[in-house]
Amino acid sequence: MTDQTQPFLEVKDLKIHFPTDDGVVKSVDGLTFSVERGKTLGIVGESGSGKSVTSLGIMGLYNKRNSKISGQIWLDGEDVVSSDDETVRKLRGNKMSMIFQDPLSSMHPYYTVGQQIVEAYRVHHSVSKSVARKHAVDMLGRVGIPQPDRRVDDYPHQFSGGMRQRAMIAMSLVNDPQLLIADEPTTALDVTVQAQILDLMHDLQSEFNSALIVITHDLGVVAELADDVLVMYGGRCIEFADATTIFDRPEHPYTWGLLGSMPRMDRPQIDRLVPIPGLPPSLINLPTGCSFHPRCQFEPRTGGLGSTTMPELSPAGGSKHLVRCHIPTGERQRIWSDEVKPRLEA
């Protein structure tokens, strides 16, 4: 019997490394977090920070011969990392499912949308094709696709970008999974369709009471959906807190940079957006010390620790607020309130 008091997903010290001729790519390097039923976790960071690798690891989609995976991924009491491929396959699609970043390349071009949803349903249910087809039509209607009884026989290229994303969501939800991972669910969609997709995901999560992970570089998506936010940089978590804290009282310089590069619609934009200087680090040759220190304008305030010692992920001011930074908590709070926040609100 499932323990309802435990998080539905619990990730502990997850490491996903890829050996290459140039060295070991440490895409995820010691990640720990959990997600409860009915809650949404937003994972944010620049490209190359390890967000998508984390999601594919949770789904068990990496070949263990080509990658080194350690740590624990507990899904409803079962450890995905130590389970055999057949066990993970039964979990995938049934208890957990994923909305991929590009639905056109994720869906098979030679099969109709309906055929692909039918196949995803019949893998986990012993039903006839006609019963599965009816369920597929119902799901397409549920996600807002007009005339689902006709569109079920269309191919992916016959759908617009927004409709393909809806079809992908229908396929992901066809087995009523209790964990849904959405990887950049609104990329390449216009703002009106983005809003519709976000509303749809929120409504469906409420209906199914599922745990939801939203992986994105768009803080606007996080503000719309997330209860908690995990900020990744260089394969590690560098800040974790509830969404209100991340937007109102963030404490890591990288998070400040992400907020500073986000357009604001609630006030006139007078100056240009301020990008974070430099480039994300190589995951083969991470900088010594704090991996963000080469790009951090506040590194001199660490007393030299930033360039020599990796900071621990430590409790900050609020409840469950964790930050990986050598600058003391009180000093970080002062920098945010006196220096960074006034600049962002100017």
Protein backbone atom coordinates (compact mmCIF):
# COMPACT_ATOMS: atom_id res chain seq x y z
CA MET A 1 0.00 0.00 0.00
CA THR A 2 1.35 3.42 -0.96
CA ASP A 3 2.43 5.70 1.90
CA GLN A 4 0.51 8.91 1.24
CA THR A 5 2.71 10.81 3.71
CA GLN A 6 5.85 10.35 1.57
CA PRO A 7 6.66 12.45 -1.51
CA PHE A 8 5.58 10.70 -4.69
CA LEU A 9 9.02 11.38 -6.20
CA GLU A 10 12.18 11.56 -4.12
CA VAL A 11 15.60 12.06 -5.73
CA LYS A 12 18.66 11.57 -3.52
CA ASP A 13 22.25 12.46 -4.50
CA LEU A 14 21.59 11.76 -8.19
CA LYS A 15 24.66 11.71 -10.41
CA ILE A 16 24.51 11.20 -14.18
CA HIS A 17 27.94 11.16 -15.83
CA PHE A 18 28.89 10.40 -19.43
CA PRO A 19 32.42 9.10 -20.15
CA THR A 20 33.87 10.60 -23.37
CA ASP A 21 37.26 10.70 -25.08
CA ASP A 22 37.74 14.22 -23.71
CA GLY A 23 36.81 13.34 -20.14
CA VAL A 24 33.76 12.67 -17.96
CA VAL A 25 30.78 14.95 -18.60
CA LYS A 26 29.22 15.53 -15.18
CA SER A 27 25.77 16.53 -16.42
CA VAL A 28 24.11 15.98 -13.03
CA ASP A 29 26.37 15.90 -9.99
CA GLY A 30 24.66 15.24 -6.68
CA LEU A 31 21.06 16.43 -7.02
CA THR A 32 18.50 15.97 -4.24
CA PHE A 33 14.84 17.04 -4.26
CA SER A 34 11.30 15.71 -3.85
CA VAL A 35 7.84 16.38 -5.28
CA GLU A 36 4.53 15.63 -3.57
CA ARG A 37 1.24 14.75 -5.24
CA GLY A 38 -0.64 17.81 -6.39
CA LYS A 39 2.49 19.99 -6.22
CA THR A 40 4.59 21.54 -8.98
CA LEU A 41 8.38 21.85 -8.96
CA GLY A 42 9.99 24.25 -11.41
CA ILE A 43 13.59 23.45 -12.45
CA VAL A 44 15.28 26.47 -14.03
CA GLY A 45 18.69 27.31 -15.43
CA GLU A 46 20.53 28.08 -18.62
CA SER A 47 21.04 25.55 -21.40
CA GLY A 48 23.61 23.00 -20.31
CA SER A 49 22.84 23.25 -16.60
CA GLY A 50 21.56 19.66 -16.40
CA LYS A 51 17.78 20.21 -16.38
CA SER A 52 16.79 17.93 -19.24
CA VAL A 53 19.37 15.29 -18.29
CA THR A 54 17.72 15.13 -14.86
CA SER A 55 14.29 14.55 -16.39
CA LEU A 56 15.51 11.82 -18.74
CA GLY A 57 17.27 10.14 -15.81
CA ILE A 58 14.04 10.11 -13.79
CA MET A 59 12.26 8.55 -16.78
CA GLY A 60 14.95 5.87 -17.02
CA LEU A 61 15.74 6.75 -20.63
CA TYR A 62 19.53 6.52 -20.48
CA ASN A 63 21.44 3.47 -21.63
CA LYS A 64 23.37 2.31 -18.59
CA ARG A 65 26.19 1.03 -20.83
CA ASN A 66 26.89 4.57 -22.08
CA SER A 67 26.35 6.46 -18.84
CA LYS A 68 27.14 6.19 -15.16
CA ILE A 69 24.12 6.77 -12.96
CA SER A 70 24.25 6.66 -9.16
CA GLY A 71 22.11 7.83 -6.28
CA GLN A 72 18.43 7.07 -5.79
CA ILE A 73 15.22 7.97 -7.61
CA TRP A 74 12.27 6.78 -5.53
CA LEU A 75 8.98 6.79 -7.44
CA ASP A 76 6.02 5.77 -5.29
CA GLY A 77 8.30 3.53 -3.21
CA GLU A 78 10.28 1.98 -6.10
CA ASP A 79 13.90 2.86 -6.87
CA VAL A 80 14.21 3.61 -10.60
CA VAL A 81 18.03 3.55 -10.58
CA SER A 82 18.39 0.00 -9.27
CA SER A 83 15.35 -1.48 -11.07
CA ASP A 84 15.69 -3.56 -14.22
CA ASP A 85 14.65 -2.19 -17.62
CA GLU A 86 11.32 -4.06 -17.69
CA THR A 87 10.26 -2.65 -14.31
CA VAL A 88 11.12 0.89 -15.41
CA ARG A 89 9.27 0.39 -18.70
CA LYS A 90 6.11 -0.54 -16.76
CA LEU A 91 6.47 2.58 -14.61
CA ARG A 92 7.08 4.80 -17.64
CA GLY A 93 3.81 5.92 -19.18
CA ASN A 94 1.79 4.37 -16.38
CA LYS A 95 3.01 6.07 -13.17
CA MET A 96 5.22 8.69 -14.80
CA SER A 97 5.12 10.39 -18.16
CA MET A 98 6.88 13.19 -20.01
CA ILE A 99 5.97 16.01 -22.37
CA PHE A 100 9.01 16.45 -24.59
CA GLN A 101 10.42 19.77 -25.77
CA ASP A 102 9.66 19.37 -29.49
CA PRO A 103 6.42 17.44 -30.18
CA LEU A 104 7.05 17.31 -33.93
CA SER A 105 10.28 15.37 -33.53
CA SER A 106 8.98 13.39 -30.54
CA MET A 107 5.95 12.02 -32.39
CA HIS A 108 6.37 9.48 -35.19
CA PRO A 109 5.73 11.13 -38.59
CA TYR A 110 4.43 7.94 -40.26
CA TYR A 111 1.63 7.20 -37.79
CA THR A 112 -1.46 9.21 -37.04
CA VAL A 113 -1.74 10.99 -33.73
CA GLY A 114 -4.56 8.63 -32.78
CA GLN A 115 -2.51 5.51 -33.54
CA GLN A 116 0.28 6.74 -31.28
CA ILE A 117 -2.05 7.52 -28.38
CA VAL A 118 -3.77 4.13 -28.86
CA GLU A 119 -0.41 2.35 -28.71
CA ALA A 120 0.62 4.23 -25.55
CA TYR A 121 -2.68 3.19 -23.91
CA ARG A 122 -2.64 -0.47 -24.99
CA VAL A 123 0.89 -1.02 -23.70
CA HIS A 124 -0.50 -0.71 -20.17
CA HIS A 125 -4.12 -1.88 -20.65
CA SER A 126 -5.51 -5.09 -22.14
CA VAL A 127 -8.24 -3.51 -24.27
CA SER A 128 -9.30 -3.71 -27.92
CA LYS A 129 -8.19 -1.15 -30.49
CA SER A 130 -11.71 0.25 -30.69
CA VAL A 131 -11.87 0.85 -26.93
CA ALA A 132 -8.41 2.43 -26.97
CA ARG A 133 -9.37 4.61 -29.94
CA LYS A 134 -12.45 5.90 -28.10
CA HIS A 135 -10.23 6.74 -25.15
CA ALA A 136 -7.81 8.56 -27.48
CA VAL A 137 -10.65 10.64 -28.92
CA ASP A 138 -11.81 11.49 -25.39
CA MET A 139 -8.29 12.57 -24.40
CA LEU A 140 -7.88 14.77 -27.47
CA GLY A 141 -11.15 16.47 -26.64
CA ARG A 142 -10.09 16.84 -23.05
CA VAL A 143 -6.99 18.81 -23.98
CA GLY A 144 -8.98 21.20 -26.15
CA ILE A 145 -8.45 19.87 -29.67
CA PRO A 146 -11.57 20.66 -31.73
CA GLN A 147 -13.34 17.88 -33.62
CA PRO A 148 -11.27 15.16 -31.90
CA ASP A 149 -13.17 12.34 -33.65
CA ARG A 150 -11.80 13.65 -36.96
CA ARG A 151 -8.40 14.97 -35.87
CA VAL A 152 -7.55 11.61 -34.31
CA ASP A 153 -6.78 10.35 -37.83
CA ASP A 154 -4.50 13.26 -38.74
CA TYR A 155 -0.70 13.06 -38.81
CA PRO A 156 1.53 15.23 -36.57
CA HIS A 157 2.54 17.53 -39.46
CA GLN A 158 -1.14 18.37 -39.99
CA PHE A 159 -1.34 19.95 -36.51
CA SER A 160 -0.19 23.46 -35.64
CA GLY A 161 2.53 23.86 -33.02
CA GLY A 162 0.05 24.50 -30.22
CA MET A 163 -2.19 21.60 -31.29
CA ARG A 164 0.80 19.24 -31.48
CA GLN A 165 1.72 20.22 -27.94
CA ARG A 166 -1.86 19.49 -26.85
CA ALA A 167 -1.69 16.11 -28.61
CA MET A 168 1.58 15.37 -26.82
CA ILE A 169 -0.07 16.24 -23.50
CA ALA A 170 -2.99 13.93 -24.38
CA MET A 171 -0.55 11.10 -25.08
CA SER A 172 1.32 11.77 -21.84
CA LEU A 173 -1.88 11.72 -19.78
CA VAL A 174 -3.63 8.82 -21.49
CA ASN A 175 -2.70 6.42 -18.65
CA ASP A 176 -3.43 8.90 -15.83
CA PRO A 177 0.21 9.11 -14.63
CA GLN A 178 0.83 10.35 -11.12
CA LEU A 179 4.04 12.16 -12.14
CA LEU A 180 4.20 14.38 -15.21
CA ILE A 181 7.46 15.96 -16.41
CA ALA A 182 7.16 18.85 -18.87
CA ASP A 183 10.44 19.76 -20.61
CA GLU A 184 10.21 23.31 -22.01
CA PRO A 185 6.45 22.86 -22.66
CA THR A 186 5.95 26.29 -24.25
CA THR A 187 9.11 26.69 -26.34
CA ALA A 188 8.49 28.06 -29.87
CA LEU A 189 4.82 28.77 -29.14
CA ASP A 190 3.36 32.26 -29.40
CA VAL A 191 2.34 33.95 -26.17
CA THR A 192 -1.39 33.31 -26.57
CA VAL A 193 -0.86 29.58 -27.10
CA GLN A 194 1.67 29.52 -24.25
CA ALA A 195 -0.98 30.86 -21.87
CA GLN A 196 -3.49 28.26 -23.07
CA ILE A 197 -1.00 25.40 -22.61
CA LEU A 198 -0.08 26.56 -19.10
CA ASP A 199 -3.75 26.86 -18.12
CA LEU A 200 -4.37 23.38 -19.54
CA MET A 201 -1.51 21.83 -17.57
CA HIS A 202 -2.70 23.52 -14.37
CA ASP A 203 -6.29 22.29 -14.87
CA LEU A 204 -5.22 18.73 -15.70
CA GLN A 205 -2.90 18.59 -12.70
CA SER A 206 -5.77 19.65 -10.46
CA GLU A 207 -8.00 16.99 -12.02
CA PHE A 208 -5.50 14.12 -11.68
CA ASN A 209 -3.79 15.38 -8.45
CA SER A 210 -0.48 14.51 -10.11
CA ALA A 211 3.00 15.65 -9.18
CA LEU A 212 4.34 17.97 -11.87
CA ILE A 213 7.91 18.94 -12.79
CA VAL A 214 8.27 21.86 -15.20
CA ILE A 215 11.73 22.24 -16.74
CA THR A 216 12.31 25.62 -18.32
CA HIS A 217 14.60 28.61 -18.74
CA ASP A 218 11.50 30.87 -18.72
CA LEU A 219 10.89 32.29 -15.26
CA GLY A 220 7.46 33.49 -16.42
CA VAL A 221 6.39 29.83 -16.76
CA VAL A 222 7.73 29.14 -13.27
CA ALA A 223 5.82 32.09 -11.82
CA GLU A 224 2.62 30.77 -13.41
CA LEU A 225 2.83 27.14 -12.32
CA ALA A 226 5.43 26.30 -9.67
CA ASP A 227 5.00 25.81 -5.94
CA ASP A 228 8.74 25.27 -5.41
CA VAL A 229 11.72 26.22 -7.57
CA LEU A 230 15.07 24.47 -7.99
CA VAL A 231 17.77 26.58 -9.66
CA MET A 232 20.47 24.51 -11.42
CA TYR A 233 23.94 25.56 -12.51
CA GLY A 234 26.79 23.32 -13.67
CA GLY A 235 24.85 20.12 -12.91
CA ARG A 236 24.12 21.08 -9.31
CA CYS A 237 21.36 22.75 -7.32
CA ILE A 238 22.53 26.20 -6.29
CA GLU A 239 19.25 27.49 -4.79
CA PHE A 240 15.98 25.89 -3.72
CA ALA A 241 12.92 27.58 -2.19
CA ASP A 242 9.22 28.11 -2.64
CA ALA A 243 8.32 30.22 -5.66
CA THR A 244 7.43 33.30 -3.60
CA THR A 245 10.86 33.31 -1.95
CA ILE A 246 12.68 32.85 -5.26
CA PHE A 247 10.96 35.89 -6.77
CA ASP A 248 10.82 38.10 -3.68
CA ARG A 249 13.91 37.16 -1.60
CA PRO A 250 16.41 35.18 -3.71
CA GLU A 251 19.89 34.84 -2.23
CA HIS A 252 22.16 33.40 -4.93
CA PRO A 253 23.90 35.77 -7.38
CA TYR A 254 23.01 33.46 -10.27
CA THR A 255 19.31 33.66 -9.41
CA TRP A 256 19.65 37.45 -9.28
CA GLY A 257 21.12 37.29 -12.78
CA LEU A 258 18.24 35.18 -14.08
CA LEU A 259 15.72 37.64 -12.65
CA GLY A 260 17.63 40.58 -14.12
CA SER A 261 17.51 39.06 -17.59
CA MET A 262 13.74 38.47 -17.45
CA PRO A 263 11.48 41.00 -19.20
CA ARG A 264 8.90 42.66 -16.95
CA MET A 265 5.39 43.51 -18.14
CA ASP A 266 4.26 45.28 -14.97
CA ARG A 267 6.38 48.40 -15.50
CA PRO A 268 7.88 50.34 -18.41
CA GLN A 269 11.16 48.89 -19.64
CA ILE A 270 13.53 51.83 -19.94
CA ASP A 271 16.92 50.12 -20.01
CA ARG A 272 18.02 47.03 -21.90
CA LEU A 273 17.81 43.68 -20.14
CA VAL A 274 21.07 42.80 -18.38
CA PRO A 275 22.48 39.42 -19.43
CA ILE A 276 24.64 37.35 -17.10
CA PRO A 277 28.24 37.95 -18.22
CA GLY A 278 30.31 35.04 -19.53
CA LEU A 279 29.26 31.56 -20.57
CA PRO A 280 28.02 28.48 -18.67
CA PRO A 281 30.90 26.25 -17.53
CA SER A 282 32.16 23.15 -19.30
CA LEU A 283 30.71 20.09 -17.58
CA ILE A 284 33.98 18.27 -18.31
CA ASN A 285 36.23 20.91 -16.71
CA LEU A 286 34.23 22.71 -14.05
CA PRO A 287 35.97 25.67 -12.39
CA THR A 288 37.56 25.03 -9.02
CA GLY A 289 35.59 26.25 -6.05
CA CYS A 290 32.12 27.63 -6.76
CA SER A 291 31.31 26.81 -10.39
CA PHE A 292 29.66 30.24 -10.79
CA HIS A 293 32.58 32.29 -9.44
CA PRO A 294 34.12 33.22 -12.87
CA ARG A 295 30.86 35.01 -13.76
CA CYS A 296 29.97 36.36 -10.30
CA GLN A 297 30.44 40.08 -9.69
CA PHE A 298 30.18 39.46 -5.93
CA GLU A 299 32.95 36.83 -5.79
CA PRO A 300 35.41 39.27 -4.10
CA ARG A 301 33.06 39.29 -1.09
CA THR A 302 33.69 35.58 -0.42
CA GLY A 303 37.14 36.24 1.01
CA GLY A 304 38.80 34.10 -1.64
CA LEU A 305 36.70 31.00 -0.94
CA GLY A 306 34.71 31.36 -4.18
CA SER A 307 37.65 30.38 -6.37
CA THR A 308 39.06 27.64 -4.14
CA THR A 309 36.28 25.81 -2.26
CA MET A 310 32.95 24.35 -3.40
CA PRO A 311 30.22 25.78 -1.12
CA GLU A 312 27.74 23.42 0.50
CA LEU A 313 24.00 23.66 -0.12
CA SER A 314 23.06 25.23 3.21
CA PRO A 315 19.88 26.53 4.89
CA ALA A 316 19.20 30.22 4.26
CA GLY A 317 16.73 32.66 5.78
CA GLY A 318 13.33 31.07 5.15
CA SER A 319 11.85 27.63 5.70
CA LYS A 320 13.23 25.01 3.26
CA HIS A 321 15.30 27.75 1.57
CA LEU A 322 18.69 26.33 0.54
CA VAL A 323 21.57 28.23 -1.09
CA ARG A 324 25.01 27.15 -2.32
CA CYS A 325 27.09 30.30 -1.75
CA HIS A 326 30.06 31.40 0.39
CA ILE A 327 28.67 34.89 1.01
CA PRO A 328 27.05 34.84 4.50
CA THR A 329 23.23 34.82 4.58
CA GLY A 330 22.94 38.25 6.19
CA GLU A 331 25.28 39.78 3.61
CA ARG A 332 23.37 38.14 0.73
CA GLN A 333 20.10 39.53 2.06
CA ARG A 334 21.64 43.00 2.33
CA ILE A 335 23.05 42.84 -1.21
CA TRP A 336 19.63 41.81 -2.56
CA SER A 337 17.63 44.47 -0.71
CA ASP A 338 20.12 47.37 -1.04
CA GLU A 339 21.88 46.75 -4.36
CA VAL A 340 20.24 44.18 -6.65
CA LYS A 341 16.49 44.61 -6.07
CA PRO A 342 16.51 48.45 -6.47
CA ARG A 343 18.39 48.01 -9.75
CA LEU A 344 15.86 45.47 -11.03
CA GLU A 345 12.94 47.70 -10.06
CA ALA A 346 14.45 50.91 -11.47
